[in-house]
Amino acid sequence: MAMKDLSVFPTGEPNDAYAQYFVGQSYLKMLTTEGVTIGNVTFEPGCRNNWHVHEAQSGGGQILLCTAGRGYYQEWGKEPRELHPGDVVVIPAGVKHWHGAAPDSWFAHLAVEVPGDGCRNVWLEPVDDSQYGKLK
């Protein structure tokens, strides 16, 4: 499957603004920043973001709507969850986590930022290569 055919949503440009928080290449196309911020994030095979937390004074968090390919989501202290098109991941504010593509598959999701007060992302360490390497 060609990257341009991965999703009904546009892939966007290389996600250079956040490249320091990713292992591998990701692409970002902001779909809307009005009301609720929604971005289409596409990950090349093996690409994943660092551990991070969506902080908020109230509300906040993120919802992932998986649209294409195969990926993973993991919360700190829990086993990774394999993701497929149609899966929904609700990430409450304050939960340390990462998400990204499987080692052998492109992956895309819509990242929906849950409105709240004092929302910000806190980027942390990369996902351990040896742990990621155990994923199928």
N, C-alpha and C. Protein backbone atom coordinates (compact mmCIF):
# COMPACT_ATOMS: atom_id res chain seq x y z
N MET A 1 0.85 -1.18 0.00
CA MET A 1 0.00 0.00 0.00
C MET A 1 0.90 1.24 0.00
N ALA A 2 0.65 2.14 -0.90
CA ALA A 2 1.43 3.38 -0.97
C ALA A 2 1.00 4.30 0.17
N MET A 3 1.95 5.08 0.65
CA MET A 3 1.65 5.97 1.76
C MET A 3 0.48 6.89 1.42
N LYS A 4 0.41 7.40 0.19
CA LYS A 4 -0.66 8.33 -0.18
C LYS A 4 -2.03 7.65 -0.11
N ASP A 5 -2.07 6.33 -0.19
CA ASP A 5 -3.33 5.58 -0.15
C ASP A 5 -3.64 5.05 1.25
N LEU A 6 -2.84 5.40 2.23
CA LEU A 6 -2.98 4.83 3.56
C LEU A 6 -4.30 5.20 4.22
N SER A 7 -4.76 6.42 4.05
CA SER A 7 -5.93 6.90 4.77
C SER A 7 -6.75 7.81 3.87
N VAL A 8 -8.01 7.98 4.21
CA VAL A 8 -8.84 8.94 3.48
C VAL A 8 -8.44 10.37 3.82
N PHE A 9 -7.71 10.55 4.92
CA PHE A 9 -7.23 11.87 5.32
C PHE A 9 -5.85 12.12 4.74
N PRO A 10 -5.54 13.36 4.39
CA PRO A 10 -4.21 13.65 3.82
C PRO A 10 -3.09 13.36 4.81
N THR A 11 -1.99 12.84 4.28
CA THR A 11 -0.84 12.47 5.10
C THR A 11 -0.14 13.69 5.69
N GLY A 12 -0.07 14.75 4.94
CA GLY A 12 0.61 15.94 5.43
C GLY A 12 2.09 15.90 5.15
N GLU A 13 2.79 16.79 5.81
CA GLU A 13 4.22 16.97 5.61
C GLU A 13 5.00 16.26 6.70
N PRO A 14 6.30 16.05 6.49
CA PRO A 14 7.12 15.50 7.58
C PRO A 14 6.94 16.33 8.85
N ASN A 15 6.81 15.64 9.95
CA ASN A 15 6.51 16.26 11.24
C ASN A 15 7.79 16.78 11.89
N ASP A 16 8.47 17.69 11.18
CA ASP A 16 9.78 18.17 11.62
C ASP A 16 9.72 18.94 12.93
N ALA A 17 8.63 19.64 13.20
CA ALA A 17 8.53 20.45 14.42
C ALA A 17 8.62 19.58 15.67
N TYR A 18 8.20 18.32 15.56
CA TYR A 18 8.22 17.42 16.72
C TYR A 18 9.19 16.26 16.53
N ALA A 19 10.05 16.32 15.53
CA ALA A 19 10.94 15.21 15.20
C ALA A 19 11.80 14.78 16.38
N GLN A 20 12.17 15.72 17.24
CA GLN A 20 13.01 15.37 18.40
C GLN A 20 12.30 14.45 19.39
N TYR A 21 10.99 14.33 19.29
CA TYR A 21 10.21 13.49 20.21
C TYR A 21 9.78 12.18 19.57
N PHE A 22 10.34 11.85 18.40
CA PHE A 22 9.98 10.64 17.67
C PHE A 22 11.24 9.86 17.31
N VAL A 23 11.12 8.55 17.25
CA VAL A 23 12.12 7.68 16.64
C VAL A 23 11.53 7.32 15.29
N GLY A 24 12.21 7.65 14.20
CA GLY A 24 11.68 7.41 12.86
C GLY A 24 10.92 8.62 12.35
N GLN A 25 10.38 8.48 11.14
CA GLN A 25 9.71 9.61 10.48
C GLN A 25 8.20 9.54 10.68
N SER A 26 7.64 10.67 11.11
CA SER A 26 6.19 10.80 11.18
C SER A 26 5.77 11.97 10.29
N TYR A 27 4.49 12.00 9.98
CA TYR A 27 3.92 13.04 9.13
C TYR A 27 2.70 13.60 9.83
N LEU A 28 2.44 14.90 9.65
CA LEU A 28 1.34 15.54 10.35
C LEU A 28 0.54 16.41 9.40
N LYS A 29 -0.77 16.25 9.43
CA LYS A 29 -1.69 17.13 8.72
C LYS A 29 -2.76 17.56 9.72
N MET A 30 -2.72 18.83 10.09
CA MET A 30 -3.74 19.34 10.98
C MET A 30 -5.05 19.44 10.20
N LEU A 31 -6.10 18.80 10.73
CA LEU A 31 -7.40 18.81 10.07
C LEU A 31 -8.23 19.99 10.55
N THR A 32 -8.10 20.33 11.83
CA THR A 32 -8.76 21.51 12.37
C THR A 32 -8.08 21.93 13.67
N THR A 33 -8.06 23.22 13.90
CA THR A 33 -7.58 23.76 15.17
C THR A 33 -8.67 24.62 15.81
N GLU A 34 -9.88 24.54 15.27
CA GLU A 34 -11.01 25.31 15.80
C GLU A 34 -11.87 24.44 16.67
N GLY A 35 -12.13 24.88 17.90
CA GLY A 35 -12.96 24.12 18.83
C GLY A 35 -12.20 22.95 19.42
N VAL A 36 -12.09 21.88 18.66
CA VAL A 36 -11.34 20.69 19.06
C VAL A 36 -10.21 20.51 18.06
N THR A 37 -8.99 20.42 18.54
CA THR A 37 -7.84 20.24 17.66
C THR A 37 -7.74 18.77 17.24
N ILE A 38 -7.68 18.56 15.92
CA ILE A 38 -7.57 17.19 15.38
C ILE A 38 -6.48 17.18 14.32
N GLY A 39 -5.53 16.28 14.49
CA GLY A 39 -4.46 16.12 13.52
C GLY A 39 -4.39 14.69 13.03
N ASN A 40 -4.10 14.51 11.73
CA ASN A 40 -3.84 13.19 11.20
C ASN A 40 -2.35 12.94 11.33
N VAL A 41 -1.98 11.93 12.11
CA VAL A 41 -0.57 11.59 12.32
C VAL A 41 -0.31 10.25 11.63
N THR A 42 0.69 10.23 10.76
CA THR A 42 1.07 9.02 10.03
C THR A 42 2.50 8.65 10.44
N PHE A 43 2.70 7.37 10.72
CA PHE A 43 3.99 6.86 11.17
C PHE A 43 4.53 5.87 10.14
N GLU A 44 5.79 6.03 9.74
CA GLU A 44 6.40 5.01 8.89
C GLU A 44 6.65 3.77 9.75
N PRO A 45 6.87 2.59 9.13
CA PRO A 45 7.15 1.39 9.91
C PRO A 45 8.29 1.65 10.91
N GLY A 46 8.08 1.23 12.15
CA GLY A 46 9.07 1.40 13.20
C GLY A 46 9.05 2.75 13.89
N CYS A 47 8.29 3.70 13.40
CA CYS A 47 8.25 5.03 14.01
C CYS A 47 7.33 5.03 15.22
N ARG A 48 7.78 5.67 16.27
CA ARG A 48 6.95 5.83 17.47
C ARG A 48 7.37 7.11 18.17
N ASN A 49 6.45 7.66 18.96
CA ASN A 49 6.81 8.85 19.72
C ASN A 49 7.39 8.44 21.07
N ASN A 50 8.03 9.40 21.71
CA ASN A 50 8.58 9.17 23.05
C ASN A 50 7.43 9.00 24.05
N TRP A 51 7.78 8.47 25.20
CA TRP A 51 6.86 8.50 26.32
C TRP A 51 6.47 9.97 26.53
N HIS A 52 5.22 10.21 26.85
CA HIS A 52 4.78 11.57 27.11
C HIS A 52 3.51 11.56 27.96
N VAL A 53 3.18 12.75 28.47
CA VAL A 53 1.99 12.93 29.30
C VAL A 53 1.26 14.16 28.80
N HIS A 54 -0.05 14.06 28.66
CA HIS A 54 -0.89 15.21 28.37
C HIS A 54 -1.36 15.75 29.73
N GLU A 55 -0.79 16.84 30.16
CA GLU A 55 -1.16 17.42 31.45
C GLU A 55 -2.28 18.43 31.27
N ALA A 56 -3.09 18.60 32.32
CA ALA A 56 -4.15 19.59 32.31
C ALA A 56 -4.55 19.91 33.74
N GLN A 57 -4.96 21.14 33.97
CA GLN A 57 -5.49 21.52 35.28
C GLN A 57 -6.88 20.93 35.46
N SER A 58 -7.63 20.86 34.35
CA SER A 58 -8.93 20.19 34.32
C SER A 58 -9.20 19.76 32.89
N GLY A 59 -9.97 18.68 32.73
CA GLY A 59 -10.24 18.16 31.39
C GLY A 59 -8.97 17.65 30.76
N GLY A 60 -8.83 17.87 29.46
CA GLY A 60 -7.61 17.49 28.76
C GLY A 60 -7.52 16.01 28.44
N GLY A 61 -6.36 15.62 27.96
CA GLY A 61 -6.13 14.26 27.52
C GLY A 61 -6.20 14.19 26.00
N GLN A 62 -6.27 13.00 25.48
CA GLN A 62 -6.26 12.80 24.04
C GLN A 62 -7.07 11.56 23.68
N ILE A 63 -7.65 11.57 22.49
CA ILE A 63 -8.34 10.40 21.95
C ILE A 63 -7.69 10.08 20.62
N LEU A 64 -7.32 8.83 20.42
CA LEU A 64 -6.76 8.37 19.15
C LEU A 64 -7.83 7.57 18.41
N LEU A 65 -8.08 7.95 17.16
CA LEU A 65 -9.00 7.22 16.29
C LEU A 65 -8.14 6.59 15.20
N CYS A 66 -7.92 5.29 15.30
CA CYS A 66 -7.01 4.60 14.39
C CYS A 66 -7.68 4.43 13.03
N THR A 67 -6.95 4.82 11.97
CA THR A 67 -7.55 4.85 10.64
C THR A 67 -6.89 3.92 9.63
N ALA A 68 -5.64 3.55 9.83
CA ALA A 68 -4.95 2.76 8.81
C ALA A 68 -3.72 2.06 9.40
N GLY A 69 -3.38 0.92 8.81
CA GLY A 69 -2.16 0.22 9.20
C GLY A 69 -2.29 -0.51 10.52
N ARG A 70 -1.13 -0.72 11.15
CA ARG A 70 -1.07 -1.44 12.42
C ARG A 70 -0.09 -0.73 13.33
N GLY A 71 -0.49 -0.49 14.56
CA GLY A 71 0.36 0.22 15.48
C GLY A 71 0.23 -0.31 16.90
N TYR A 72 0.78 0.46 17.83
CA TYR A 72 0.74 0.10 19.24
C TYR A 72 0.50 1.33 20.10
N TYR A 73 -0.09 1.07 21.26
CA TYR A 73 -0.27 2.06 22.31
C TYR A 73 0.13 1.37 23.61
N GLN A 74 0.86 2.10 24.46
CA GLN A 74 1.24 1.51 25.74
C GLN A 74 1.21 2.57 26.82
N GLU A 75 0.59 2.23 27.94
CA GLU A 75 0.64 3.06 29.14
C GLU A 75 1.76 2.53 30.04
N TRP A 76 2.39 3.43 30.76
CA TRP A 76 3.48 3.08 31.67
C TRP A 76 3.02 2.00 32.64
N GLY A 77 3.79 0.93 32.74
CA GLY A 77 3.49 -0.16 33.67
C GLY A 77 2.50 -1.19 33.14
N LYS A 78 2.04 -1.03 31.89
CA LYS A 78 1.09 -1.97 31.30
C LYS A 78 1.69 -2.56 30.02
N GLU A 79 1.08 -3.63 29.54
CA GLU A 79 1.51 -4.27 28.31
C GLU A 79 1.08 -3.43 27.11
N PRO A 80 1.86 -3.45 26.01
CA PRO A 80 1.44 -2.74 24.79
C PRO A 80 0.15 -3.32 24.23
N ARG A 81 -0.66 -2.44 23.65
CA ARG A 81 -1.92 -2.83 23.02
C ARG A 81 -1.76 -2.65 21.51
N GLU A 82 -2.01 -3.72 20.74
CA GLU A 82 -1.93 -3.62 19.29
C GLU A 82 -3.14 -2.87 18.77
N LEU A 83 -2.91 -1.98 17.80
CA LEU A 83 -3.97 -1.13 17.26
C LEU A 83 -4.21 -1.41 15.79
N HIS A 84 -5.48 -1.34 15.39
CA HIS A 84 -5.91 -1.57 14.01
C HIS A 84 -6.94 -0.52 13.63
N PRO A 85 -7.20 -0.32 12.33
CA PRO A 85 -8.22 0.64 11.91
C PRO A 85 -9.55 0.38 12.64
N GLY A 86 -10.14 1.44 13.12
CA GLY A 86 -11.40 1.34 13.86
C GLY A 86 -11.21 1.33 15.37
N ASP A 87 -10.00 1.08 15.85
CA ASP A 87 -9.76 1.11 17.30
C ASP A 87 -9.78 2.54 17.80
N VAL A 88 -10.24 2.69 19.03
CA VAL A 88 -10.28 3.98 19.70
C VAL A 88 -9.52 3.86 21.01
N VAL A 89 -8.65 4.82 21.27
CA VAL A 89 -7.88 4.84 22.52
C VAL A 89 -8.19 6.15 23.23
N VAL A 90 -8.70 6.06 24.45
CA VAL A 90 -8.97 7.24 25.26
C VAL A 90 -7.85 7.37 26.28
N ILE A 91 -7.13 8.48 26.22
CA ILE A 91 -5.97 8.69 27.08
C ILE A 91 -6.30 9.83 28.05
N PRO A 92 -6.54 9.52 29.31
CA PRO A 92 -6.83 10.59 30.26
C PRO A 92 -5.62 11.48 30.50
N ALA A 93 -5.86 12.70 30.89
CA ALA A 93 -4.77 13.60 31.28
C ALA A 93 -3.97 12.94 32.40
N GLY A 94 -2.66 13.14 32.37
CA GLY A 94 -1.80 12.64 33.44
C GLY A 94 -1.29 11.23 33.27
N VAL A 95 -1.66 10.53 32.19
CA VAL A 95 -1.24 9.15 31.98
C VAL A 95 -0.01 9.13 31.07
N LYS A 96 1.09 8.56 31.56
CA LYS A 96 2.32 8.42 30.77
C LYS A 96 2.12 7.30 29.76
N HIS A 97 2.43 7.59 28.47
CA HIS A 97 2.15 6.63 27.41
C HIS A 97 3.00 6.94 26.17
N TRP A 98 2.93 6.04 25.19
CA TRP A 98 3.50 6.26 23.85
C TRP A 98 2.59 5.57 22.85
N HIS A 99 2.72 5.96 21.57
CA HIS A 99 2.01 5.29 20.49
C HIS A 99 2.80 5.43 19.21
N GLY A 100 2.57 4.49 18.29
CA GLY A 100 3.29 4.54 17.02
C GLY A 100 3.04 3.30 16.20
N ALA A 101 3.80 3.18 15.12
CA ALA A 101 3.63 2.08 14.18
C ALA A 101 4.24 0.79 14.70
N ALA A 102 3.74 -0.31 14.16
CA ALA A 102 4.39 -1.60 14.38
C ALA A 102 5.72 -1.59 13.62
N PRO A 103 6.64 -2.48 13.98
CA PRO A 103 7.93 -2.48 13.30
C PRO A 103 7.86 -2.69 11.79
N ASP A 104 6.81 -3.37 11.31
CA ASP A 104 6.74 -3.72 9.89
C ASP A 104 5.52 -3.12 9.17
N SER A 105 4.91 -2.09 9.73
CA SER A 105 3.69 -1.56 9.13
C SER A 105 3.59 -0.05 9.26
N TRP A 106 3.10 0.61 8.22
CA TRP A 106 2.69 2.01 8.34
C TRP A 106 1.51 2.05 9.31
N PHE A 107 1.27 3.20 9.91
CA PHE A 107 0.17 3.36 10.85
C PHE A 107 -0.29 4.80 10.83
N ALA A 108 -1.60 5.01 10.92
CA ALA A 108 -2.13 6.37 10.98
C ALA A 108 -3.26 6.44 11.99
N HIS A 109 -3.33 7.55 12.69
CA HIS A 109 -4.46 7.81 13.59
C HIS A 109 -4.78 9.29 13.58
N LEU A 110 -6.03 9.59 13.91
CA LEU A 110 -6.41 10.96 14.18
C LEU A 110 -6.17 11.20 15.66
N ALA A 111 -5.45 12.26 15.97
CA ALA A 111 -5.19 12.64 17.36
C ALA A 111 -6.15 13.78 17.70
N VAL A 112 -7.08 13.49 18.59
CA VAL A 112 -8.08 14.45 19.02
C VAL A 112 -7.66 14.97 20.39
N GLU A 113 -7.40 16.25 20.48
CA GLU A 113 -7.01 16.85 21.75
C GLU A 113 -8.28 17.19 22.54
N VAL A 114 -8.44 16.58 23.71
CA VAL A 114 -9.61 16.83 24.53
C VAL A 114 -9.47 18.22 25.17
N PRO A 115 -10.48 19.07 24.98
CA PRO A 115 -10.38 20.42 25.55
C PRO A 115 -10.26 20.39 27.07
N GLY A 116 -9.54 21.35 27.59
CA GLY A 116 -9.38 21.47 29.04
C GLY A 116 -8.67 22.77 29.37
N ASP A 117 -8.40 22.95 30.64
CA ASP A 117 -7.69 24.14 31.11
C ASP A 117 -6.24 23.77 31.42
N GLY A 118 -5.32 24.64 31.00
CA GLY A 118 -3.90 24.43 31.30
C GLY A 118 -3.32 23.20 30.62
N CYS A 119 -3.79 22.89 29.42
CA CYS A 119 -3.32 21.68 28.72
C CYS A 119 -1.93 21.91 28.13
N ARG A 120 -1.08 20.90 28.28
CA ARG A 120 0.24 20.93 27.66
C ARG A 120 0.77 19.50 27.61
N ASN A 121 1.66 19.27 26.64
CA ASN A 121 2.33 17.98 26.53
C ASN A 121 3.67 18.06 27.24
N VAL A 122 4.00 17.03 27.98
CA VAL A 122 5.31 16.90 28.60
C VAL A 122 5.98 15.70 27.94
N TRP A 123 7.03 15.97 27.15
CA TRP A 123 7.74 14.92 26.42
C TRP A 123 8.82 14.33 27.30
N LEU A 124 8.93 13.01 27.30
CA LEU A 124 9.85 12.29 28.17
C LEU A 124 10.81 11.45 27.33
N GLU A 125 11.32 10.37 27.90
CA GLU A 125 12.36 9.57 27.26
C GLU A 125 11.81 8.74 26.10
N PRO A 126 12.70 8.37 25.16
CA PRO A 126 12.29 7.47 24.07
C PRO A 126 11.89 6.10 24.61
N VAL A 127 11.06 5.41 23.85
CA VAL A 127 10.71 4.02 24.16
C VAL A 127 11.98 3.20 24.02
N ASP A 128 12.23 2.32 24.97
CA ASP A 128 13.41 1.48 24.97
C ASP A 128 13.44 0.60 23.71
N ASP A 129 14.53 0.69 22.94
CA ASP A 129 14.64 -0.06 21.68
C ASP A 129 14.49 -1.56 21.89
N SER A 130 15.05 -2.09 22.97
CA SER A 130 14.96 -3.55 23.18
C SER A 130 13.52 -3.96 23.48
N GLN A 131 12.77 -3.15 24.21
CA GLN A 131 11.37 -3.45 24.48
C GLN A 131 10.54 -3.34 23.21
N TYR A 132 10.77 -2.26 22.45
CA TYR A 132 10.04 -2.08 21.19
C TYR A 132 10.35 -3.22 20.22
N GLY A 133 11.60 -3.66 20.20
CA GLY A 133 12.04 -4.71 19.30
C GLY A 133 11.35 -6.05 19.56
N LYS A 134 10.73 -6.22 20.72
CA LYS A 134 10.02 -7.47 21.03
C LYS A 134 8.61 -7.49 20.46
N LEU A 135 8.13 -6.34 19.96
CA LEU A 135 6.79 -6.28 19.40
C LEU A 135 6.78 -6.96 18.04
N LYS A 136 5.64 -7.56 17.69
CA LYS A 136 5.55 -8.23 16.38
C LYS A 136 5.14 -7.26 15.30
